[in-house]
Amino acid sequence: MGTEFNYFLSIIPPDIYSGTKATVCRYMAIFEAEEYVLGKVLRADDYHFLLFLSKAPITKVNDVEYHVKKGDMLVIQPWEGIYGVPGENKEYGKYLHIAVKKEFFQEIAAEIAKEGTFAFKRIQGRYSNHLLDLIGEFQLEIMNYGQAYPQMIRSLSTQIVFQLIRDLHAEEKPGREKVGRDNQYINKAILFMQENYQENITIRDICDLIYFSPYHFKRIFKEHTGRTPHRYLMDIRLEKAKELLARSENSIENIARLCGFVNPGHFAVAFKRSIKMTPSEYRKMHG
């Protein structure tokens, strides 16, 4: 384990810790635990988030009881006490424990709070599928590349913290409002495409802008637009190309460059596949 989170070795019973899968970087640690620590108050000088993947015991945070269930999430702030209440039922399932370094969390929270002081709207909420997607990406990155790409690790860690906060600040009945928030992010992505279609932009560029994982972004983008992000960007480029072919005297090679295509050959193939005629044929018909 990274030295930043070595304190877990002293507060978690060895028999429980030995069966816990840990994915750790300098900013956060994600533990996949199969057992709960019950009957013992735990405290640590970082931010901690528990994601309940199945049935869970009653949990106290600063002596306040929370009856949690599958899909719930709790936040424990620095030095707050968490206590798992022992009960007759010992058949509790897996959960995720995310520990976030205090300084890293506060850096992100300050951006969210702007000029004010950050405070959680609630300490119990529902975690999103998007958060689970991001956690999966983080675990895969560490498993495949370790710490070889620090900027990628920081980017994924940042996205996870943002999503933890967003999930805890979500409304209790998120149906219509979640659609509204997703629409907001999709609109931002579309505007980015419209303003940068001439460049060699990627899905990762867009996801870094809106703090979405590529998997989640592609899924909700298609739900909202009926097209994949790649198809949507291609359609923007083709519409711009049609305008230039009809209204300008630019060469086809120059139009390909101006519309963000890799080369004239790529432009010709994409144009004919979509418009059912070559760029030259379109220009003759509409010029």
C-alpha atoms as a PDB file:
ATOM      1  CA  MET A   1       0.000   0.000   0.000  1.00  0.00           C
ATOM      2  CA  GLY A   2       1.153   3.555  -0.663  1.00  0.00           C
ATOM      3  CA  THR A   3       2.624   5.201   2.426  1.00  0.00           C
ATOM      4  CA  GLU A   4      -0.105   7.885   2.319  1.00  0.00           C
ATOM      5  CA  PHE A   5      -2.669   5.360   3.580  1.00  0.00           C
ATOM      6  CA  ASN A   6      -0.556   3.178   5.877  1.00  0.00           C
ATOM      7  CA  TYR A   7      -2.740   4.148   8.829  1.00  0.00           C
ATOM      8  CA  PHE A   8      -5.261   1.528   7.651  1.00  0.00           C
ATOM      9  CA  LEU A   9      -2.831  -1.125   8.878  1.00  0.00           C
ATOM     10  CA  SER A  10      -3.315   0.111  12.422  1.00  0.00           C
ATOM     11  CA  ILE A  11      -7.086   0.720  12.453  1.00  0.00           C
ATOM     12  CA  ILE A  12      -8.367  -2.226  10.373  1.00  0.00           C
ATOM     13  CA  PRO A  13      -8.181  -5.732  11.926  1.00  0.00           C
ATOM     14  CA  PRO A  14      -5.540  -7.792  10.047  1.00  0.00           C
ATOM     15  CA  ASP A  15      -7.943 -10.634   9.209  1.00  0.00           C
ATOM     16  CA  ILE A  16     -10.311  -8.176   7.488  1.00  0.00           C
ATOM     17  CA  TYR A  17      -7.575  -6.158   5.807  1.00  0.00           C
ATOM     18  CA  SER A  18      -5.886  -9.271   4.372  1.00  0.00           C
ATOM     19  CA  GLY A  19      -9.035 -10.093   2.395  1.00  0.00           C
ATOM     20  CA  THR A  20      -9.438  -6.575   1.020  1.00  0.00           C
ATOM     21  CA  LYS A  21      -8.388  -5.609  -2.503  1.00  0.00           C
ATOM     22  CA  ALA A  22      -6.720  -2.183  -2.517  1.00  0.00           C
ATOM     23  CA  THR A  23      -6.038   0.160  -5.454  1.00  0.00           C
ATOM     24  CA  VAL A  24      -3.885   3.036  -4.267  1.00  0.00           C
ATOM     25  CA  CYS A  25      -2.254   6.196  -5.605  1.00  0.00           C
ATOM     26  CA  ARG A  26      -0.973   9.333  -3.890  1.00  0.00           C
ATOM     27  CA  TYR A  27      -4.413  10.995  -4.020  1.00  0.00           C
ATOM     28  CA  MET A  28      -6.786   8.219  -3.038  1.00  0.00           C
ATOM     29  CA  ALA A  29      -7.199   4.570  -2.170  1.00  0.00           C
ATOM     30  CA  ILE A  30     -10.098   2.363  -3.186  1.00  0.00           C
ATOM     31  CA  PHE A  31     -10.719  -0.705  -1.050  1.00  0.00           C
ATOM     32  CA  GLU A  32     -13.029  -3.533  -2.097  1.00  0.00           C
ATOM     33  CA  ALA A  33     -14.005  -5.029   1.232  1.00  0.00           C
ATOM     34  CA  GLU A  34     -16.025  -8.158   1.959  1.00  0.00           C
ATOM     35  CA  GLU A  35     -16.388  -7.664   5.714  1.00  0.00           C
ATOM     36  CA  TYR A  36     -17.387  -4.763   7.936  1.00  0.00           C
ATOM     37  CA  VAL A  37     -15.511  -3.631  11.029  1.00  0.00           C
ATOM     38  CA  LEU A  38     -18.244  -3.791  13.678  1.00  0.00           C
ATOM     39  CA  GLY A  39     -18.282  -2.628  17.289  1.00  0.00           C
ATOM     40  CA  LYS A  40     -15.286  -0.303  16.918  1.00  0.00           C
ATOM     41  CA  VAL A  41     -15.113   3.456  16.326  1.00  0.00           C
ATOM     42  CA  LEU A  42     -12.757   4.331  13.465  1.00  0.00           C
ATOM     43  CA  ARG A  43     -11.286   7.779  12.806  1.00  0.00           C
ATOM     44  CA  ALA A  44      -8.766   9.104  10.273  1.00  0.00           C
ATOM     45  CA  ASP A  45      -7.479  12.452   9.033  1.00  0.00           C
ATOM     46  CA  ASP A  46      -8.808  12.149   5.453  1.00  0.00           C
ATOM     47  CA  TYR A  47     -12.152  12.064   3.647  1.00  0.00           C
ATOM     48  CA  HIS A  48     -13.793   8.657   3.428  1.00  0.00           C
ATOM     49  CA  PHE A  49     -16.719   7.494   1.313  1.00  0.00           C
ATOM     50  CA  LEU A  50     -18.536   4.183   1.734  1.00  0.00           C
ATOM     51  CA  LEU A  51     -20.456   2.806  -1.262  1.00  0.00           C
ATOM     52  CA  PHE A  52     -22.810   0.003  -0.215  1.00  0.00           C
ATOM     53  CA  LEU A  53     -23.054  -2.630  -2.944  1.00  0.00           C
ATOM     54  CA  SER A  54     -25.417  -4.900  -1.018  1.00  0.00           C
ATOM     55  CA  LYS A  55     -26.984  -5.411   2.400  1.00  0.00           C
ATOM     56  CA  ALA A  56     -25.166  -3.488   5.147  1.00  0.00           C
ATOM     57  CA  PRO A  57     -25.270  -3.032   8.938  1.00  0.00           C
ATOM     58  CA  ILE A  58     -26.646   0.069  10.639  1.00  0.00           C
ATOM     59  CA  THR A  59     -23.842   2.624  10.537  1.00  0.00           C
ATOM     60  CA  LYS A  60     -23.253   5.505  12.934  1.00  0.00           C
ATOM     61  CA  VAL A  61     -21.375   8.675  11.952  1.00  0.00           C
ATOM     62  CA  ASN A  62     -20.704  10.923  14.953  1.00  0.00           C
ATOM     63  CA  ASP A  63     -23.339   8.942  16.892  1.00  0.00           C
ATOM     64  CA  VAL A  64     -26.059   9.533  14.287  1.00  0.00           C
ATOM     65  CA  GLU A  65     -27.560   6.274  12.959  1.00  0.00           C
ATOM     66  CA  TYR A  66     -27.895   5.664   9.222  1.00  0.00           C
ATOM     67  CA  HIS A  67     -29.955   2.725   7.980  1.00  0.00           C
ATOM     68  CA  VAL A  68     -28.199   2.211   4.678  1.00  0.00           C
ATOM     69  CA  LYS A  69     -29.098  -0.082   1.798  1.00  0.00           C
ATOM     70  CA  LYS A  70     -27.725  -1.176  -1.541  1.00  0.00           C
ATOM     71  CA  GLY A  71     -26.995   1.859  -3.708  1.00  0.00           C
ATOM     72  CA  ASP A  72     -26.409   4.220  -0.771  1.00  0.00           C
ATOM     73  CA  MET A  73     -23.268   6.187  -0.025  1.00  0.00           C
ATOM     74  CA  LEU A  74     -21.974   7.836   3.148  1.00  0.00           C
ATOM     75  CA  VAL A  75     -19.224  10.434   3.573  1.00  0.00           C
ATOM     76  CA  ILE A  76     -17.080  10.569   6.714  1.00  0.00           C
ATOM     77  CA  GLN A  77     -15.091  13.778   7.052  1.00  0.00           C
ATOM     78  CA  PRO A  78     -11.676  14.083   8.763  1.00  0.00           C
ATOM     79  CA  TRP A  79     -11.651  12.768  12.332  1.00  0.00           C
ATOM     80  CA  GLU A  80     -15.358  12.017  12.393  1.00  0.00           C
ATOM     81  CA  GLY A  81     -16.100   8.704  14.066  1.00  0.00           C
ATOM     82  CA  ILE A  82     -17.711   5.856  12.127  1.00  0.00           C
ATOM     83  CA  TYR A  83     -19.154   2.865  13.926  1.00  0.00           C
ATOM     84  CA  GLY A  84     -20.636  -0.301  12.448  1.00  0.00           C
ATOM     85  CA  VAL A  85     -23.405  -1.492  14.758  1.00  0.00           C
ATOM     86  CA  PRO A  86     -23.158  -5.229  15.540  1.00  0.00           C
ATOM     87  CA  GLY A  87     -26.356  -7.167  14.866  1.00  0.00           C
ATOM     88  CA  GLU A  88     -27.685 -10.687  14.595  1.00  0.00           C
ATOM     89  CA  ASN A  89     -27.374 -10.707  10.823  1.00  0.00           C
ATOM     90  CA  LYS A  90     -23.757 -11.228   9.821  1.00  0.00           C
ATOM     91  CA  GLU A  91     -24.410 -11.958   6.150  1.00  0.00           C
ATOM     92  CA  TYR A  92     -23.461  -8.556   4.823  1.00  0.00           C
ATOM     93  CA  GLY A  93     -22.169  -8.152   1.279  1.00  0.00           C
ATOM     94  CA  LYS A  94     -19.360  -6.251  -0.399  1.00  0.00           C
ATOM     95  CA  TYR A  95     -18.837  -2.506  -0.249  1.00  0.00           C
ATOM     96  CA  LEU A  96     -16.339   0.031  -1.584  1.00  0.00           C
ATOM     97  CA  HIS A  97     -14.353   2.239   0.756  1.00  0.00           C
ATOM     98  CA  ILE A  98     -12.794   5.279  -0.944  1.00  0.00           C
ATOM     99  CA  ALA A  99     -10.212   7.230   1.041  1.00  0.00           C
ATOM    100  CA  VAL A 100      -9.266  10.649  -0.389  1.00  0.00           C
ATOM    101  CA  LYS A 101      -6.315  12.658   0.895  1.00  0.00           C
ATOM    102  CA  LYS A 102      -7.583  15.714   2.734  1.00  0.00           C
ATOM    103  CA  GLU A 103      -5.443  18.247   0.852  1.00  0.00           C
ATOM    104  CA  PHE A 104      -6.455  16.829  -2.551  1.00  0.00           C
ATOM    105  CA  PHE A 105     -10.147  16.809  -1.666  1.00  0.00           C
ATOM    106  CA  GLN A 106     -10.034  20.363  -0.312  1.00  0.00           C
ATOM    107  CA  GLU A 107      -8.321  21.605  -3.476  1.00  0.00           C
ATOM    108  CA  ILE A 108     -11.226  20.315  -5.568  1.00  0.00           C
ATOM    109  CA  ALA A 109     -13.887  21.400  -3.068  1.00  0.00           C
ATOM    110  CA  ALA A 110     -12.490  24.958  -3.143  1.00  0.00           C
ATOM    111  CA  GLU A 111     -13.082  25.108  -6.903  1.00  0.00           C
ATOM    112  CA  ILE A 112     -16.677  23.983  -6.417  1.00  0.00           C
ATOM    113  CA  ALA A 113     -17.293  26.448  -3.576  1.00  0.00           C
ATOM    114  CA  LYS A 114     -15.863  29.388  -5.588  1.00  0.00           C
ATOM    115  CA  GLU A 115     -15.466  32.197  -3.063  1.00  0.00           C
ATOM    116  CA  GLY A 116     -17.529  30.502  -0.351  1.00  0.00           C
ATOM    117  CA  THR A 117     -16.904  27.666   2.099  1.00  0.00           C
ATOM    118  CA  PHE A 118     -17.587  24.145   0.884  1.00  0.00           C
ATOM    119  CA  ALA A 119     -20.051  22.002   2.831  1.00  0.00           C
ATOM    120  CA  PHE A 120     -21.814  18.766   1.923  1.00  0.00           C
ATOM    121  CA  LYS A 121     -25.551  19.126   1.405  1.00  0.00           C
ATOM    122  CA  ARG A 122     -25.956  15.712   2.996  1.00  0.00           C
ATOM    123  CA  ILE A 123     -23.686  12.921   4.150  1.00  0.00           C
ATOM    124  CA  GLN A 124     -25.948  10.121   2.875  1.00  0.00           C
ATOM    125  CA  GLY A 125     -26.922   9.865  -0.774  1.00  0.00           C
ATOM    126  CA  ARG A 126     -27.148   7.511  -3.735  1.00  0.00           C
ATOM    127  CA  TYR A 127     -24.089   6.769  -5.848  1.00  0.00           C
ATOM    128  CA  SER A 128     -24.381   6.896  -9.633  1.00  0.00           C
ATOM    129  CA  ASN A 129     -23.411   4.415 -12.336  1.00  0.00           C
ATOM    130  CA  HIS A 130     -21.102   7.128 -13.642  1.00  0.00           C
ATOM    131  CA  LEU A 131     -19.160   7.034 -10.372  1.00  0.00           C
ATOM    132  CA  LEU A 132     -18.790   3.252 -10.661  1.00  0.00           C
ATOM    133  CA  ASP A 133     -17.573   3.691 -14.260  1.00  0.00           C
ATOM    134  CA  LEU A 134     -14.882   6.114 -13.097  1.00  0.00           C
ATOM    135  CA  ILE A 135     -13.802   3.800 -10.285  1.00  0.00           C
ATOM    136  CA  GLY A 136     -13.486   0.958 -12.794  1.00  0.00           C
ATOM    137  CA  GLU A 137     -11.339   3.107 -15.081  1.00  0.00           C
ATOM    138  CA  PHE A 138      -9.119   4.113 -12.155  1.00  0.00           C
ATOM    139  CA  GLN A 139      -8.630   0.485 -11.107  1.00  0.00           C
ATOM    140  CA  LEU A 140      -7.821  -0.592 -14.682  1.00  0.00           C
ATOM    141  CA  GLU A 141      -5.299   2.233 -15.071  1.00  0.00           C
ATOM    142  CA  ILE A 142      -3.457   1.219 -11.892  1.00  0.00           C
ATOM    143  CA  MET A 143      -3.636  -2.481 -12.762  1.00  0.00           C
ATOM    144  CA  ASN A 144      -2.343  -2.012 -16.336  1.00  0.00           C
ATOM    145  CA  TYR A 145       0.143   0.836 -15.931  1.00  0.00           C
ATOM    146  CA  GLY A 146       0.773   1.349 -12.230  1.00  0.00           C
ATOM    147  CA  GLN A 147       2.033   4.888 -11.578  1.00  0.00           C
ATOM    148  CA  ALA A 148       3.611   5.247 -15.044  1.00  0.00           C
ATOM    149  CA  TYR A 149       1.257   8.034 -16.146  1.00  0.00           C
ATOM    150  CA  PRO A 150       0.854  10.498 -13.245  1.00  0.00           C
ATOM    151  CA  GLN A 151      -1.323  12.946 -15.196  1.00  0.00           C
ATOM    152  CA  MET A 152      -3.806  10.193 -16.053  1.00  0.00           C
ATOM    153  CA  ILE A 153      -3.904   9.095 -12.400  1.00  0.00           C
ATOM    154  CA  ARG A 154      -4.526  12.672 -11.249  1.00  0.00           C
ATOM    155  CA  SER A 155      -7.203  13.197 -13.922  1.00  0.00           C
ATOM    156  CA  LEU A 156      -9.130  10.066 -12.941  1.00  0.00           C
ATOM    157  CA  SER A 157      -8.761  10.850  -9.229  1.00  0.00           C
ATOM    158  CA  THR A 158     -10.096  14.362  -9.843  1.00  0.00           C
ATOM    159  CA  GLN A 159     -13.088  13.049 -11.780  1.00  0.00           C
ATOM    160  CA  ILE A 160     -13.910  10.568  -9.014  1.00  0.00           C
ATOM    161  CA  VAL A 161     -13.875  13.283  -6.332  1.00  0.00           C
ATOM    162  CA  PHE A 162     -16.034  15.596  -8.446  1.00  0.00           C
ATOM    163  CA  GLN A 163     -18.538  12.787  -8.984  1.00  0.00           C
ATOM    164  CA  LEU A 164     -18.587  11.848  -5.297  1.00  0.00           C
ATOM    165  CA  ILE A 165     -19.537  15.438  -4.495  1.00  0.00           C
ATOM    166  CA  ARG A 166     -22.099  15.641  -7.306  1.00  0.00           C
ATOM    167  CA  ASP A 167     -23.766  12.423  -6.211  1.00  0.00           C
ATOM    168  CA  LEU A 168     -24.029  13.605  -2.608  1.00  0.00           C
ATOM    169  CA  HIS A 169     -25.388  16.970  -3.757  1.00  0.00           C
ATOM    170  CA  ALA A 170     -27.958  15.407  -6.087  1.00  0.00           C
ATOM    171  CA  GLU A 171     -31.631  15.843  -5.338  1.00  0.00           C
ATOM    172  CA  GLU A 172     -33.486  12.999  -3.630  1.00  0.00           C
ATOM    173  CA  LYS A 173     -35.718  12.528  -6.685  1.00  0.00           C
ATOM    174  CA  PRO A 174     -33.231  12.885  -9.505  1.00  0.00           C
ATOM    175  CA  GLY A 175     -35.298  11.716 -12.490  1.00  0.00           C
ATOM    176  CA  ARG A 176     -36.104  14.936 -14.333  1.00  0.00           C
ATOM    177  CA  GLU A 177     -33.262  16.919 -12.758  1.00  0.00           C
ATOM    178  CA  LYS A 178     -30.672  14.318 -13.670  1.00  0.00           C
ATOM    179  CA  VAL A 179     -31.828  14.531 -17.269  1.00  0.00           C
ATOM    180  CA  GLY A 180     -31.422  18.286 -16.978  1.00  0.00           C
ATOM    181  CA  ARG A 181     -27.886  17.977 -15.619  1.00  0.00           C
ATOM    182  CA  ASP A 182     -26.930  15.431 -18.273  1.00  0.00           C
ATOM    183  CA  ASN A 183     -28.400  17.730 -20.926  1.00  0.00           C
ATOM    184  CA  GLN A 184     -26.211  20.512 -19.569  1.00  0.00           C
ATOM    185  CA  TYR A 185     -23.064  18.405 -19.967  1.00  0.00           C
ATOM    186  CA  ILE A 186     -24.109  17.097 -23.386  1.00  0.00           C
ATOM    187  CA  ASN A 187     -24.790  20.649 -24.567  1.00  0.00           C
ATOM    188  CA  LYS A 188     -21.351  21.662 -23.338  1.00  0.00           C
ATOM    189  CA  ALA A 189     -19.797  18.757 -25.248  1.00  0.00           C
ATOM    190  CA  ILE A 190     -21.689  19.676 -28.432  1.00  0.00           C
ATOM    191  CA  LEU A 191     -20.595  23.324 -28.137  1.00  0.00           C
ATOM    192  CA  PHE A 192     -16.997  22.138 -27.731  1.00  0.00           C
ATOM    193  CA  MET A 193     -17.329  20.068 -30.925  1.00  0.00           C
ATOM    194  CA  GLN A 194     -18.862  22.982 -32.829  1.00  0.00           C
ATOM    195  CA  GLU A 195     -16.077  25.331 -31.760  1.00  0.00           C
ATOM    196  CA  ASN A 196     -13.194  22.887 -32.283  1.00  0.00           C
ATOM    197  CA  TYR A 197     -14.260  20.647 -35.185  1.00  0.00           C
ATOM    198  CA  GLN A 198     -11.258  21.886 -37.205  1.00  0.00           C
ATOM    199  CA  GLU A 199      -8.872  20.380 -34.646  1.00  0.00           C
ATOM    200  CA  ASN A 200      -7.936  16.763 -34.021  1.00  0.00           C
ATOM    201  CA  ILE A 201     -10.146  16.512 -30.922  1.00  0.00           C
ATOM    202  CA  THR A 202     -10.749  13.194 -29.182  1.00  0.00           C
ATOM    203  CA  ILE A 203     -13.349  11.695 -26.859  1.00  0.00           C
ATOM    204  CA  ARG A 204     -10.817  12.058 -24.039  1.00  0.00           C
ATOM    205  CA  ASP A 205     -10.532  15.822 -24.723  1.00  0.00           C
ATOM    206  CA  ILE A 206     -14.309  16.167 -24.343  1.00  0.00           C
ATOM    207  CA  CYS A 207     -14.491  13.939 -21.247  1.00  0.00           C
ATOM    208  CA  ASP A 208     -11.722  15.902 -19.528  1.00  0.00           C
ATOM    209  CA  LEU A 209     -13.772  19.043 -20.118  1.00  0.00           C
ATOM    210  CA  ILE A 210     -16.977  17.733 -18.505  1.00  0.00           C
ATOM    211  CA  TYR A 211     -15.452  15.229 -16.020  1.00  0.00           C
ATOM    212  CA  PHE A 212     -17.189  12.187 -17.514  1.00  0.00           C
ATOM    213  CA  SER A 213     -15.665   8.795 -18.181  1.00  0.00           C
ATOM    214  CA  PRO A 214     -15.562   7.916 -21.907  1.00  0.00           C
ATOM    215  CA  TYR A 215     -17.856   4.925 -21.356  1.00  0.00           C
ATOM    216  CA  HIS A 216     -20.506   6.960 -19.536  1.00  0.00           C
ATOM    217  CA  PHE A 217     -20.184   9.906 -21.915  1.00  0.00           C
ATOM    218  CA  LYS A 218     -20.667   7.786 -25.037  1.00  0.00           C
ATOM    219  CA  ARG A 219     -23.659   6.035 -23.494  1.00  0.00           C
ATOM    220  CA  ILE A 220     -25.578   9.129 -22.402  1.00  0.00           C
ATOM    221  CA  PHE A 221     -24.567  11.095 -25.509  1.00  0.00           C
ATOM    222  CA  LYS A 222     -26.225   8.485 -27.712  1.00  0.00           C
ATOM    223  CA  GLU A 223     -29.282   8.427 -25.426  1.00  0.00           C
ATOM    224  CA  HIS A 224     -29.689  12.184 -25.815  1.00  0.00           C
ATOM    225  CA  THR A 225     -28.768  12.669 -29.486  1.00  0.00           C
ATOM    226  CA  GLY A 226     -29.384   9.297 -31.137  1.00  0.00           C
ATOM    227  CA  ARG A 227     -25.798   9.379 -32.437  1.00  0.00           C
ATOM    228  CA  THR A 228     -22.393   8.413 -31.105  1.00  0.00           C
ATOM    229  CA  PRO A 229     -20.033  11.313 -30.307  1.00  0.00           C
ATOM    230  CA  HIS A 230     -17.825  10.284 -33.246  1.00  0.00           C
ATOM    231  CA  ARG A 231     -20.799  10.301 -35.605  1.00  0.00           C
ATOM    232  CA  TYR A 232     -22.002  13.637 -34.266  1.00  0.00           C
ATOM    233  CA  LEU A 233     -18.586  15.252 -34.766  1.00  0.00           C
ATOM    234  CA  MET A 234     -18.336  13.765 -38.233  1.00  0.00           C
ATOM    235  CA  ASP A 235     -21.743  15.206 -39.125  1.00  0.00           C
ATOM    236  CA  ILE A 236     -20.645  18.674 -37.949  1.00  0.00           C
ATOM    237  CA  ARG A 237     -17.572  18.440 -40.167  1.00  0.00           C
ATOM    238  CA  LEU A 238     -19.569  17.226 -43.152  1.00  0.00           C
ATOM    239  CA  GLU A 239     -22.135  20.041 -42.794  1.00  0.00           C
ATOM    240  CA  LYS A 240     -19.317  22.600 -42.695  1.00  0.00           C
ATOM    241  CA  ALA A 241     -17.755  20.944 -45.738  1.00  0.00           C
ATOM    242  CA  LYS A 242     -21.053  21.132 -47.639  1.00  0.00           C
ATOM    243  CA  GLU A 243     -21.293  24.853 -46.858  1.00  0.00           C
ATOM    244  CA  LEU A 244     -17.762  25.484 -48.125  1.00  0.00           C
ATOM    245  CA  LEU A 245     -18.235  23.375 -51.238  1.00  0.00           C
ATOM    246  CA  ALA A 246     -21.378  25.295 -52.163  1.00  0.00           C
ATOM    247  CA  ARG A 247     -20.302  28.813 -51.196  1.00  0.00           C
ATOM    248  CA  SER A 248     -16.531  29.100 -51.549  1.00  0.00           C
ATOM    249  CA  GLU A 249     -13.814  28.542 -54.108  1.00  0.00           C
ATOM    250  CA  ASN A 250     -11.487  26.729 -51.701  1.00  0.00           C
ATOM    251  CA  SER A 251      -9.893  23.629 -53.119  1.00  0.00           C
ATOM    252  CA  ILE A 252     -11.221  20.290 -51.930  1.00  0.00           C
ATOM    253  CA  GLU A 253      -7.864  19.654 -50.247  1.00  0.00           C
ATOM    254  CA  ASN A 254      -8.134  22.927 -48.342  1.00  0.00           C
ATOM    255  CA  ILE A 255     -11.757  22.245 -47.369  1.00  0.00           C
ATOM    256  CA  ALA A 256     -10.711  18.872 -45.983  1.00  0.00           C
ATOM    257  CA  ARG A 257      -8.117  20.615 -43.795  1.00  0.00           C
ATOM    258  CA  LEU A 258     -10.478  23.394 -42.726  1.00  0.00           C
ATOM    259  CA  CYS A 259     -13.089  20.865 -41.620  1.00  0.00           C
ATOM    260  CA  GLY A 260     -10.758  18.751 -39.500  1.00  0.00           C
ATOM    261  CA  PHE A 261     -10.288  15.716 -41.731  1.00  0.00           C
ATOM    262  CA  VAL A 262      -7.019  13.814 -41.555  1.00  0.00           C
ATOM    263  CA  ASN A 263      -6.365  14.177 -45.291  1.00  0.00           C
ATOM    264  CA  PRO A 264      -8.282  14.672 -48.581  1.00  0.00           C
ATOM    265  CA  GLY A 265      -8.647  10.920 -49.024  1.00  0.00           C
ATOM    266  CA  HIS A 266     -10.297  10.518 -45.638  1.00  0.00           C
ATOM    267  CA  PHE A 267     -12.576  13.454 -46.442  1.00  0.00           C
ATOM    268  CA  ALA A 268     -13.609  11.998 -49.818  1.00  0.00           C
ATOM    269  CA  VAL A 269     -14.416   8.569 -48.360  1.00  0.00           C
ATOM    270  CA  ALA A 270     -16.412   9.991 -45.417  1.00  0.00           C
ATOM    271  CA  PHE A 271     -18.272  12.462 -47.643  1.00  0.00           C
ATOM    272  CA  LYS A 272     -19.314   9.876 -50.213  1.00  0.00           C
ATOM    273  CA  ARG A 273     -20.327   7.357 -47.545  1.00  0.00           C
ATOM    274  CA  SER A 274     -22.632   9.910 -45.910  1.00  0.00           C
ATOM    275  CA  ILE A 275     -23.800  12.166 -48.776  1.00  0.00           C
ATOM    276  CA  LYS A 276     -23.797   9.459 -51.479  1.00  0.00           C
ATOM    277  CA  MET A 277     -21.730  11.565 -53.874  1.00  0.00           C
ATOM    278  CA  THR A 278     -18.163  12.797 -54.088  1.00  0.00           C
ATOM    279  CA  PRO A 279     -17.197  16.329 -52.934  1.00  0.00           C
ATOM    280  CA  SER A 280     -16.650  17.290 -56.584  1.00  0.00           C
ATOM    281  CA  GLU A 281     -20.094  16.031 -57.587  1.00  0.00           C
ATOM    282  CA  TYR A 282     -21.695  17.927 -54.689  1.00  0.00           C
ATOM    283  CA  ARG A 283     -19.904  21.131 -55.696  1.00  0.00           C
ATOM    284  CA  LYS A 284     -21.091  20.824 -59.304  1.00  0.00           C
ATOM    285  CA  MET A 285     -24.674  20.294 -58.158  1.00  0.00           C
ATOM    286  CA  HIS A 286     -24.767  23.080 -55.541  1.00  0.00           C
ATOM    287  CA  GLY A 287     -22.070  25.505 -56.639  1.00  0.00           C
END
